[in-house]
Amino acid sequence: MENKKVLVRGDRSGVFFGELIERNCQEVELKNCRRIWYWDGAASISQLAKEGTKIPDNCKFTVTVEKIIITDAIEIILCTDESITSIEGVKEWKY
């Protein structure tokens, strides 16, 4: 899955969307990453990874950071082209 866009669920850190650079056990490095703080329009991150969100205006996806290392990854799901378009289309949630 390296160099592919994925959703990563951390045990305590939350859910992230980005391009997988490297994985080493529970440590995952992503680039061009957004935290998926809150989503609506998908029942789970599995559906979000497959179909994207059906209600993008009600989602809270953070700004994009260049790189991040998640040290508690427990799930990595490959995103479809449909979901990538949907997730990237959600406006940045910020103050």
Protein backbone atom coordinates (compact mmCIF):
# COMPACT_ATOMS: atom_id res chain seq x y z
CA MET A 1 0.00 0.00 0.00
CA GLU A 2 3.01 2.31 -0.01
CA ASN A 3 2.45 5.51 -2.00
CA LYS A 4 -1.31 4.88 -1.96
CA LYS A 5 -3.93 6.99 -0.20
CA VAL A 6 -5.27 5.33 2.91
CA LEU A 7 -7.29 5.83 6.06
CA VAL A 8 -5.46 4.94 9.26
CA ARG A 9 -7.16 4.36 12.60
CA GLY A 10 -4.98 4.96 15.62
CA ASP A 11 -5.75 3.25 18.91
CA ARG A 12 -5.89 6.59 20.72
CA SER A 13 -4.82 9.19 18.17
CA GLY A 14 -7.87 9.05 15.90
CA VAL A 15 -8.44 8.60 12.18
CA PHE A 16 -6.16 10.01 9.47
CA PHE A 17 -6.26 10.28 5.66
CA GLY A 18 -3.06 10.55 3.68
CA GLU A 19 -0.51 8.93 1.42
CA LEU A 20 1.29 6.01 3.04
CA ILE A 21 5.06 6.45 3.06
CA GLU A 22 6.08 3.64 5.38
CA ARG A 23 4.74 1.21 7.97
CA ASN A 24 6.72 -0.46 10.75
CA CYS A 25 4.53 -2.45 13.16
CA GLN A 26 2.16 0.14 14.68
CA GLU A 27 4.19 3.10 13.41
CA VAL A 28 2.83 4.58 10.19
CA GLU A 29 4.23 7.56 8.32
CA LEU A 30 1.87 9.52 6.07
CA LYS A 31 2.39 12.54 3.85
CA ASN A 32 -0.20 15.15 2.84
CA CYS A 33 -2.25 14.05 5.82
CA ARG A 34 -5.55 15.24 7.28
CA ARG A 35 -7.05 14.19 10.60
CA ILE A 36 -10.62 12.95 10.17
CA TRP A 37 -11.94 14.50 13.36
CA TYR A 38 -15.64 13.96 12.60
CA TRP A 39 -17.46 12.50 9.63
CA ASP A 40 -21.07 12.21 8.57
CA GLY A 41 -22.53 10.44 5.58
CA ALA A 42 -20.69 7.13 6.12
CA ALA A 43 -21.44 4.49 8.74
CA SER A 44 -17.78 3.60 9.41
CA ILE A 45 -14.27 4.30 8.18
CA SER A 46 -14.64 1.21 5.99
CA GLN A 47 -17.51 2.87 4.13
CA LEU A 48 -15.63 6.19 4.15
CA ALA A 49 -12.62 4.45 2.51
CA LYS A 50 -14.82 2.79 -0.09
CA GLU A 51 -17.41 5.47 -0.94
CA GLY A 52 -16.39 8.69 0.78
CA THR A 53 -18.87 10.89 2.61
CA LYS A 54 -22.41 11.57 1.44
CA ILE A 55 -22.65 14.71 3.62
CA PRO A 56 -19.36 16.62 3.15
CA ASP A 57 -20.67 19.88 4.59
CA ASN A 58 -21.20 18.19 7.97
CA CYS A 59 -17.66 16.73 8.21
CA LYS A 60 -14.72 18.07 10.20
CA PHE A 61 -11.47 17.23 8.42
CA THR A 62 -8.47 19.28 9.53
CA VAL A 63 -5.88 21.18 7.53
CA THR A 64 -3.36 19.13 5.58
CA VAL A 65 0.07 18.60 7.14
CA GLU A 66 3.11 17.68 5.08
CA LYS A 67 4.09 14.61 7.16
CA ILE A 68 2.95 12.81 10.28
CA ILE A 69 4.02 9.70 12.15
CA ILE A 70 1.23 7.80 13.87
CA THR A 71 2.62 5.51 16.56
CA ASP A 72 -0.54 3.60 17.49
CA ALA A 73 -1.96 2.42 14.15
CA ILE A 74 -4.38 -0.48 14.46
CA GLU A 75 -6.06 -0.35 11.06
CA ILE A 76 -5.04 0.76 7.55
CA ILE A 77 -7.62 0.81 4.76
CA LEU A 78 -6.83 1.50 1.11
CA CYS A 79 -9.05 4.25 -0.33
CA THR A 80 -10.87 4.02 -3.65
CA ASP A 81 -10.74 6.76 -6.27
CA GLU A 82 -14.34 7.66 -5.33
CA SER A 83 -13.49 8.09 -1.66
CA ILE A 84 -10.30 10.06 -2.39
CA THR A 85 -12.26 12.56 -4.48
CA SER A 86 -14.89 12.85 -1.75
CA ILE A 87 -12.48 13.22 1.18
CA GLU A 88 -10.24 15.71 -0.64
CA GLY A 89 -13.35 17.71 -1.54
CA VAL A 90 -14.27 18.34 2.10
CA LYS A 91 -13.32 21.89 3.08
CA GLU A 92 -10.71 22.32 5.81
CA TRP A 93 -12.13 22.58 9.28
CA LYS A 94 -10.32 25.29 11.18
CA TYR A 95 -10.89 28.46 13.21
